[in-house]
């Protein structure tokens, strides 16, 4: 049996992007008015932490949300990365 890892990776990346878009629309977008330009970490369960710097939001995310959160810059188009 041959497994095409490129297709599997692309499918996985599409799913990650879809999940990031949904989380940002639901939890990040409402924060833009008051916190535009700040960073936010959003867990897959909807937990949120935000801070003015990336380092601060990473520290808070690990402390309060644990691994697996998505990190965004509020007002930007895409997630910065997924914190595993």
Protein backbone atom coordinates (compact mmCIF):
# COMPACT_ATOMS: atom_id res chain seq x y z
CA UNK A 1 0.00 0.00 0.00
CA UNK A 2 1.33 3.42 -0.94
CA UNK A 3 0.41 6.43 1.16
CA UNK A 4 0.79 9.81 -0.45
CA UNK A 5 2.14 11.90 2.44
CA UNK A 6 1.93 15.10 0.39
CA UNK A 7 -1.86 14.75 0.05
CA UNK A 8 -2.17 13.82 3.73
CA UNK A 9 -0.14 16.85 4.74
CA UNK A 10 -2.17 19.15 2.49
CA UNK A 11 -5.44 17.80 3.92
CA UNK A 12 -4.13 18.25 7.45
CA UNK A 13 -2.99 21.80 6.70
CA UNK A 14 -6.38 22.66 5.17
CA UNK A 15 -8.12 21.37 8.30
CA UNK A 16 -5.76 23.38 10.51
CA UNK A 17 -6.43 26.52 8.45
CA UNK A 18 -10.19 25.93 8.59
CA UNK A 19 -10.12 25.49 12.35
CA UNK A 20 -7.96 28.60 12.78
CA UNK A 21 -10.33 30.66 10.63
CA UNK A 22 -13.36 29.49 12.61
CA UNK A 23 -11.76 30.16 15.99
CA UNK A 24 -10.62 33.62 14.95
CA UNK A 25 -14.04 34.54 13.56
CA UNK A 26 -15.79 33.39 16.71
CA UNK A 27 -13.39 34.51 19.45
CA UNK A 28 -10.74 36.82 17.97
CA UNK A 29 -12.76 39.11 15.73
CA UNK A 30 -14.85 40.54 18.62
CA UNK A 31 -11.60 41.60 20.36
CA UNK A 32 -10.31 43.67 17.43
CA UNK A 33 -12.09 46.90 18.37
CA UNK A 34 -10.42 47.15 21.78
CA UNK A 35 -7.19 45.20 21.23
CA UNK A 36 -6.22 45.71 17.57
CA UNK A 37 -2.55 44.91 17.02
CA UNK A 38 -2.26 42.82 20.20
CA UNK A 39 -1.77 39.08 20.22
CA UNK A 40 -4.35 36.49 21.23
CA UNK A 41 -4.14 32.77 21.87
CA UNK A 42 -7.33 30.79 21.39
CA UNK A 43 -7.71 27.17 22.46
CA UNK A 44 -9.82 24.72 20.49
CA UNK A 45 -12.27 24.80 23.42
CA UNK A 46 -12.62 28.60 23.15
CA UNK A 47 -10.29 29.66 25.95
CA UNK A 48 -8.71 33.06 25.29
CA UNK A 49 -5.71 35.02 26.53
CA UNK A 50 -4.46 38.24 24.98
CA UNK A 51 -1.42 40.43 25.55
CA UNK A 52 0.41 43.30 23.84
CA UNK A 53 3.42 41.17 22.84
CA UNK A 54 3.87 37.77 21.27
CA UNK A 55 6.12 36.57 24.09
CA UNK A 56 3.57 37.56 26.72
CA UNK A 57 0.73 35.78 24.95
CA UNK A 58 2.85 32.65 24.50
CA UNK A 59 3.72 32.58 28.20
CA UNK A 60 0.09 33.14 29.23
CA UNK A 61 -1.15 30.60 26.72
CA UNK A 62 1.04 27.82 28.04
CA UNK A 63 0.26 28.73 31.63
CA UNK A 64 -3.51 29.13 31.28
CA UNK A 65 -4.57 27.17 28.18
CA UNK A 66 -1.94 24.48 27.76
CA UNK A 67 -0.67 23.22 24.41
CA UNK A 68 -2.66 23.25 21.19
CA UNK A 69 -3.76 26.88 21.02
CA UNK A 70 -3.73 29.04 17.92
CA UNK A 71 -1.92 32.36 18.16
CA UNK A 72 -3.09 35.37 16.17
CA UNK A 73 -2.24 39.02 15.85
CA UNK A 74 -5.58 40.78 16.17
CA UNK A 75 -6.54 42.55 12.97
CA UNK A 76 -4.22 40.40 10.82
CA UNK A 77 -5.47 37.93 8.19
CA UNK A 78 -4.01 34.66 9.44
CA UNK A 79 -2.84 32.85 12.53
CA UNK A 80 0.75 33.42 13.53
CA UNK A 81 1.09 29.74 14.35
CA UNK A 82 -0.38 26.85 16.29
CA UNK A 83 1.26 26.41 19.64
CA UNK A 84 1.63 22.64 20.24
